C-alpha atoms as a PDB file:
ATOM      1  CA  MET A   1     -30.292  15.701   3.233  1.00  0.00           C
ATOM      2  CA  TRP A   2     -28.206  14.094   6.563  1.00  0.00           C
ATOM      3  CA  LEU A   3     -28.251  10.666   5.149  1.00  0.00           C
ATOM      4  CA  SER A   4     -26.964  11.954   1.836  1.00  0.00           C
ATOM      5  CA  VAL A   5     -24.097  13.886   3.320  1.00  0.00           C
ATOM      6  CA  ARG A   6     -23.397  10.849   5.975  1.00  0.00           C
ATOM      7  CA  LEU A   7     -23.063   8.615   2.797  1.00  0.00           C
ATOM      8  CA  VAL A   8     -20.912  10.703   0.870  1.00  0.00           C
ATOM      9  CA  GLY A   9     -18.550  11.021   4.164  1.00  0.00           C
ATOM     10  CA  TRP A  10     -18.520   7.752   4.580  1.00  0.00           C
ATOM     11  CA  PHE A  11     -17.634   6.942   0.770  1.00  0.00           C
ATOM     12  CA  VAL A  12     -14.958   9.215   0.782  1.00  0.00           C
ATOM     13  CA  ALA A  13     -13.836   7.601   3.816  1.00  0.00           C
ATOM     14  CA  MET A  14     -13.851   4.191   2.528  1.00  0.00           C
ATOM     15  CA  VAL A  15     -12.229   5.662  -0.905  1.00  0.00           C
ATOM     16  CA  VAL A  16      -9.091   6.927   1.505  1.00  0.00           C
ATOM     17  CA  LEU A  17      -9.125   3.318   3.531  1.00  0.00           C
ATOM     18  CA  MET A  18      -8.991   1.333   0.385  1.00  0.00           C
ATOM     19  CA  SER A  19      -6.135   3.338  -1.209  1.00  0.00           C
ATOM     20  CA  VAL A  20      -4.361   2.673   1.883  1.00  0.00           C
ATOM     21  CA  ILE A  21      -4.922  -0.910   2.079  1.00  0.00           C
ATOM     22  CA  GLU A  22      -3.778  -0.986  -1.611  1.00  0.00           C
ATOM     23  CA  HIS A  23      -0.710   0.852  -0.648  1.00  0.00           C
ATOM     24  CA  GLN A  24      -0.297  -1.181   1.985  1.00  0.00           C
ATOM     25  CA  VAL A  25      -0.464  -4.582   0.452  1.00  0.00           C
ATOM     26  CA  HIS A  26       1.381  -3.487  -2.817  1.00  0.00           C
ATOM     27  CA  ALA A  27       4.272  -2.184  -0.790  1.00  0.00           C
ATOM     28  CA  ARG A  28       4.621  -4.918   2.390  1.00  0.00           C
ATOM     29  CA  LEU A  29       3.442  -8.100   0.736  1.00  0.00           C
ATOM     30  CA  MET A  30       4.053  -7.853  -3.260  1.00  0.00           C
ATOM     31  CA  HIS A  31       7.569  -5.842  -2.791  1.00  0.00           C
ATOM     32  CA  LYS A  32       8.927  -7.536   0.165  1.00  0.00           C
ATOM     33  CA  ALA A  33      10.234 -10.705   0.119  1.00  0.00           C
ATOM     34  CA  PRO A  34       8.579 -13.368   2.878  1.00  0.00           C
ATOM     35  CA  ARG A  35      11.745 -13.389   5.587  1.00  0.00           C
ATOM     36  CA  SER A  36      10.136 -13.593   8.632  1.00  0.00           C
ATOM     37  CA  PHE A  37       8.747 -16.603  10.000  1.00  0.00           C
ATOM     38  CA  PRO A  38       6.202 -17.670   9.648  1.00  0.00           C
ATOM     39  CA  PHE A  39       5.476 -15.739   6.483  1.00  0.00           C
ATOM     40  CA  ARG A  40       8.424 -17.319   4.744  1.00  0.00           C
ATOM     41  CA  ARG A  41       6.994 -20.982   4.770  1.00  0.00           C
ATOM     42  CA  PHE A  42       3.748 -19.705   3.424  1.00  0.00           C
ATOM     43  CA  ALA A  43       3.717 -20.793  -0.596  1.00  0.00           C
ATOM     44  CA  ALA A  44       0.953 -18.229  -1.167  1.00  0.00           C
ATOM     45  CA  ARG A  45       3.222 -15.682   0.527  1.00  0.00           C
ATOM     46  CA  ARG A  46       6.118 -16.546  -1.652  1.00  0.00           C
ATOM     47  CA  LYS A  47       3.883 -16.822  -4.857  1.00  0.00           C
ATOM     48  CA  ILE A  48       2.675 -13.352  -4.292  1.00  0.00           C
ATOM     49  CA  PHE A  49       5.987 -11.859  -3.921  1.00  0.00           C
ATOM     50  CA  THR A  50       7.335 -13.975  -6.785  1.00  0.00           C
ATOM     51  CA  SER A  51       4.261 -12.763  -9.352  1.00  0.00           C
ATOM     52  CA  HIS A  52       4.696  -9.445  -8.560  1.00  0.00           C
ATOM     53  CA  ALA A  53       8.164  -8.455  -7.915  1.00  0.00           C
ATOM     54  CA  VAL A  54       9.848 -10.764  -9.914  1.00  0.00           C
ATOM     55  CA  GLU A  55       8.083 -11.916 -12.916  1.00  0.00           C
ATOM     56  CA  HIS A  56       5.482  -8.730 -13.411  1.00  0.00           C
ATOM     57  CA  HIS A  57       8.453  -6.028 -12.977  1.00  0.00           C
ATOM     58  CA  ARG A  58      10.704  -8.194 -15.075  1.00  0.00           C
ATOM     59  CA  GLN A  59       8.085  -8.198 -17.867  1.00  0.00           C
ATOM     60  CA  TYR A  60       7.352  -4.549 -17.389  1.00  0.00           C
ATOM     61  CA  ARG A  61      10.705  -2.658 -16.533  1.00  0.00           C
ATOM     62  CA  ALA A  62      12.039  -2.512 -20.133  1.00  0.00           C
ATOM     63  CA  HIS A  63       8.741  -1.876 -21.963  1.00  0.00           C
ATOM     64  CA  PHE A  64       5.648  -0.645 -20.002  1.00  0.00           C
ATOM     65  CA  HIS A  65       3.391  -2.072 -22.752  1.00  0.00           C
ATOM     66  CA  ASP A  66       2.870  -4.904 -24.697  1.00  0.00           C
ATOM     67  CA  ASP A  67       0.753  -6.719 -26.633  1.00  0.00           C
ATOM     68  CA  PRO A  68      -3.233  -7.282 -25.895  1.00  0.00           C
ATOM     69  CA  VAL A  69      -3.627 -10.577 -24.749  1.00  0.00           C
ATOM     70  CA  PRO A  70      -6.889 -12.939 -25.107  1.00  0.00           C
ATOM     71  CA  PRO A  71      -9.200 -13.287 -22.576  1.00  0.00           C
ATOM     72  CA  GLY A  72      -8.097 -15.246 -19.895  1.00  0.00           C
ATOM     73  CA  GLU A  73      -4.632 -14.853 -20.296  1.00  0.00           C
ATOM     74  CA  ASP A  74      -4.349 -11.503 -18.134  1.00  0.00           C
ATOM     75  CA  ARG A  75      -4.605 -13.060 -14.781  1.00  0.00           C
ATOM     76  CA  GLY A  76      -0.799 -11.651 -13.478  1.00  0.00           C
ATOM     77  CA  ILE A  77      -2.350  -8.109 -14.130  1.00  0.00           C
ATOM     78  CA  ARG A  78      -6.065  -8.400 -12.933  1.00  0.00           C
ATOM     79  CA  LEU A  79      -7.579  -8.487  -9.573  1.00  0.00           C
ATOM     80  CA  ASN A  80     -10.368 -10.726  -8.862  1.00  0.00           C
ATOM     81  CA  LEU A  81     -13.520  -9.321  -7.560  1.00  0.00           C
ATOM     82  CA  LEU A  82     -14.890 -12.050  -6.071  1.00  0.00           C
ATOM     83  CA  GLU A  83     -11.707 -12.676  -3.613  1.00  0.00           C
ATOM     84  CA  GLY A  84     -11.636  -8.521  -3.200  1.00  0.00           C
ATOM     85  CA  LEU A  85     -15.646  -8.698  -1.692  1.00  0.00           C
ATOM     86  CA  VAL A  86     -14.542 -11.599   0.617  1.00  0.00           C
ATOM     87  CA  GLU A  87     -11.306 -10.004   1.656  1.00  0.00           C
ATOM     88  CA  SER A  88     -13.495  -6.813   2.457  1.00  0.00           C
ATOM     89  CA  LEU A  89     -15.741  -8.701   4.888  1.00  0.00           C
ATOM     90  CA  PRO A  90     -13.389  -8.528   7.718  1.00  0.00           C
ATOM     91  CA  VAL A  91     -12.820  -4.599   7.521  1.00  0.00           C
ATOM     92  CA  SER A  92     -16.736  -4.303   7.130  1.00  0.00           C
ATOM     93  CA  LEU A  93     -17.515  -6.784  10.483  1.00  0.00           C
ATOM     94  CA  LEU A  94     -14.674  -4.256  12.247  1.00  0.00           C
ATOM     95  CA  LEU A  95     -16.913  -1.020  10.534  1.00  0.00           C
ATOM     96  CA  ALA A  96     -20.180  -2.513  11.797  1.00  0.00           C
ATOM     97  CA  PHE A  97     -19.210  -2.004  15.541  1.00  0.00           C
ATOM     98  CA  PHE A  98     -19.193   1.949  14.414  1.00  0.00           C
ATOM     99  CA  SER A  99     -21.764   2.297  11.517  1.00  0.00           C
ATOM    100  CA  THR A 100     -23.816   0.422   9.684  1.00  0.00           C
ATOM    101  CA  THR A 101     -23.183   2.373   6.625  1.00  0.00           C
ATOM    102  CA  GLY A 102     -19.319   2.209   6.586  1.00  0.00           C
ATOM    103  CA  ALA A 103     -19.970  -1.614   6.728  1.00  0.00           C
ATOM    104  CA  VAL A 104     -22.380  -1.855   3.725  1.00  0.00           C
ATOM    105  CA  VAL A 105     -20.001   0.886   1.821  1.00  0.00           C
ATOM    106  CA  PHE A 106     -16.750  -0.545   2.198  1.00  0.00           C
ATOM    107  CA  PRO A 107     -17.369  -3.927   0.176  1.00  0.00           C
ATOM    108  CA  VAL A 108     -19.074  -1.772  -2.669  1.00  0.00           C
ATOM    109  CA  VAL A 109     -15.802   0.608  -2.599  1.00  0.00           C
ATOM    110  CA  VAL A 110     -13.599  -2.242  -2.775  1.00  0.00           C
ATOM    111  CA  CYS A 111     -15.539  -3.606  -5.925  1.00  0.00           C
ATOM    112  CA  LEU A 112     -15.698  -0.404  -7.647  1.00  0.00           C
ATOM    113  CA  HIS A 113     -11.384  -0.126  -7.168  1.00  0.00           C
ATOM    114  CA  HIS A 114     -11.104  -3.564  -8.033  1.00  0.00           C
ATOM    115  CA  LEU A 115     -12.919  -2.658 -11.461  1.00  0.00           C
ATOM    116  CA  LEU A 116     -11.428   0.581 -11.798  1.00  0.00           C
ATOM    117  CA  TRP A 117      -8.243  -1.031 -11.131  1.00  0.00           C
ATOM    118  CA  ASN A 118      -8.681  -3.925 -13.628  1.00  0.00           C
ATOM    119  CA  VAL A 119      -9.773  -1.718 -16.775  1.00  0.00           C
ATOM    120  CA  ILE A 120      -7.150   0.806 -16.210  1.00  0.00           C
ATOM    121  CA  HIS A 121      -4.276  -1.379 -15.452  1.00  0.00           C
ATOM    122  CA  ILE A 122      -4.954  -3.460 -18.273  1.00  0.00           C
ATOM    123  CA  GLU A 123      -5.034  -0.447 -20.643  1.00  0.00           C
ATOM    124  CA  MET A 124      -1.667   0.595 -19.278  1.00  0.00           C
ATOM    125  CA  HIS A 125       0.134  -2.805 -19.545  1.00  0.00           C
ATOM    126  CA  LYS A 126      -2.103  -4.261 -22.649  1.00  0.00           C
ATOM    127  CA  PRO A 127      -2.940  -1.052 -24.148  1.00  0.00           C
ATOM    128  CA  GLU A 128      -6.173  -1.390 -26.671  1.00  0.00           C
ATOM    129  CA  GLY A 129      -7.227   2.382 -27.383  1.00  0.00           C
ATOM    130  CA  ARG A 130      -9.946   2.575 -24.882  1.00  0.00           C
ATOM    131  CA  PHE A 131     -12.223   5.157 -24.755  1.00  0.00           C
ATOM    132  CA  PHE A 132     -10.795   6.870 -21.918  1.00  0.00           C
ATOM    133  CA  SER A 133      -7.125   6.134 -22.941  1.00  0.00           C
ATOM    134  CA  LYS A 134      -6.659   9.830 -23.869  1.00  0.00           C
ATOM    135  CA  TRP A 135      -8.147  11.342 -20.723  1.00  0.00           C
ATOM    136  CA  PRO A 136      -5.687  13.371 -18.855  1.00  0.00           C
ATOM    137  CA  ILE A 137      -6.492  11.862 -15.318  1.00  0.00           C
ATOM    138  CA  TYR A 138      -5.934   8.149 -17.099  1.00  0.00           C
ATOM    139  CA  LYS A 139      -2.871   9.710 -18.487  1.00  0.00           C
ATOM    140  CA  SER A 140      -1.948  10.844 -14.993  1.00  0.00           C
ATOM    141  CA  LEU A 141      -2.734   7.474 -13.695  1.00  0.00           C
ATOM    142  CA  ALA A 142      -0.395   5.650 -16.117  1.00  0.00           C
ATOM    143  CA  ARG A 143       2.837   8.081 -15.564  1.00  0.00           C
ATOM    144  CA  HIS A 144       2.340   7.540 -11.943  1.00  0.00           C
ATOM    145  CA  HIS A 145       2.195   3.459 -12.402  1.00  0.00           C
ATOM    146  CA  TYR A 146       5.040   4.018 -14.969  1.00  0.00           C
ATOM    147  CA  LEU A 147       7.067   5.580 -12.416  1.00  0.00           C
ATOM    148  CA  HIS A 148       6.389   2.689 -10.149  1.00  0.00           C
ATOM    149  CA  HIS A 149       8.074   0.325 -12.604  1.00  0.00           C
ATOM    150  CA  ARG A 150      11.054   2.750 -13.138  1.00  0.00           C
ATOM    151  CA  HIS A 151      10.874   2.984  -8.873  1.00  0.00           C
ATOM    152  CA  PRO A 152       9.873   0.029  -7.712  1.00  0.00           C
ATOM    153  CA  ASP A 153      10.149   1.707  -4.003  1.00  0.00           C
ATOM    154  CA  LYS A 154       7.679   4.267  -4.896  1.00  0.00           C
ATOM    155  CA  ASN A 155       4.197   4.701  -6.418  1.00  0.00           C
ATOM    156  CA  PHE A 156       2.395   1.771  -4.526  1.00  0.00           C
ATOM    157  CA  ASN A 157      -1.099   2.961  -5.995  1.00  0.00           C
ATOM    158  CA  VAL A 158      -2.589   2.268  -9.245  1.00  0.00           C
ATOM    159  CA  ALA A 159      -6.112   3.548  -8.960  1.00  0.00           C
ATOM    160  CA  LEU A 160      -6.745   5.802  -5.710  1.00  0.00           C
ATOM    161  CA  LEU A 161      -3.233   7.798  -5.065  1.00  0.00           C
ATOM    162  CA  ALA A 162      -4.348   8.846  -1.665  1.00  0.00           C
ATOM    163  CA  GLY A 163      -2.174   6.215  -0.306  1.00  0.00           C
ATOM    164  CA  ASP A 164       0.956   7.411  -1.576  1.00  0.00           C
ATOM    165  CA  PHE A 165       0.381  10.944  -0.875  1.00  0.00           C
ATOM    166  CA  LEU A 166      -0.071   9.555   2.767  1.00  0.00           C
ATOM    167  CA  PHE A 167       2.534   7.335   3.177  1.00  0.00           C
ATOM    168  CA  GLY A 168       5.455   9.932   1.307  1.00  0.00           C
ATOM    169  CA  THR A 169       5.889   7.514  -1.403  1.00  0.00           C
ATOM    170  CA  MET A 170       5.219   9.857  -4.466  1.00  0.00           C
ATOM    171  CA  ALA A 171       8.440   9.409  -7.076  1.00  0.00           C
ATOM    172  CA  LYS A 172       9.125  12.990  -8.578  1.00  0.00           C
ATOM    173  CA  ALA A 173      10.015  11.960 -12.365  1.00  0.00           C
ATOM    174  CA  SER A 174      13.169  12.594 -13.486  1.00  0.00           C
ATOM    175  CA  ASP A 175      14.198  14.366 -17.265  1.00  0.00           C
ATOM    176  CA  ALA A 176      15.079  10.931 -17.961  1.00  0.00           C
ATOM    177  CA  ASP A 177      11.700   9.432 -16.496  1.00  0.00           C
ATOM    178  CA  TRP A 178      10.032  12.134 -18.882  1.00  0.00           C
ATOM    179  CA  ARG A 179      11.777  11.320 -22.084  1.00  0.00           C
ATOM    180  CA  ALA A 180      10.768   7.729 -21.354  1.00  0.00           C
ATOM    181  CA  MET A 181       7.097   8.441 -20.669  1.00  0.00           C
ATOM    182  CA  LYS A 182       6.894  10.599 -23.918  1.00  0.00           C
ATOM    183  CA  ALA A 183       8.543   7.448 -25.784  1.00  0.00           C
ATOM    184  CA  GLU A 184       5.931   5.327 -24.492  1.00  0.00           C
ATOM    185  CA  GLY A 185       2.841   7.788 -25.067  1.00  0.00           C
ATOM    186  CA  LEU A 186       1.944   8.624 -21.820  1.00  0.00           C
ATOM    187  CA  ALA A 187       3.550  12.280 -21.678  1.00  0.00           C
END
């Protein structure tokens, strides 16, 4: 009993941590141009900003949806599971000083987050009418993300919304936003 309560507690804590990480990476790396030394000199850092804030937002600002794409052509809107697992290791090493359970649970949460993020983000931008596309929870997440594309300084989370709540970056939909979401089939 105690082990399962502890495991659930660590799982919930790691979900919140992953949401905060998703929020901060999206807000600070993907939406802030690299201006300060040494980051502006890193080509990878510039590419992160350009591919997201410039290209992704340009493509999906006017039209939130477009046609489904063949496998392999959706790299700009997917997270790489293996990269996420590798990137989770430094956090897991830090967590190991406090809890072996937390250190093991965090990479699991990162992998689950990336899988969930990929499935719902693809459906948001390249809808194929997947089995969950009519579910209220999915529609709510899709509206949240849609508002990010209309208000790029808000709604940085896609899959887990705790970060937007904690950082006060939840967008409030205007009447025009609601009309646009209805036109996109999200309301």
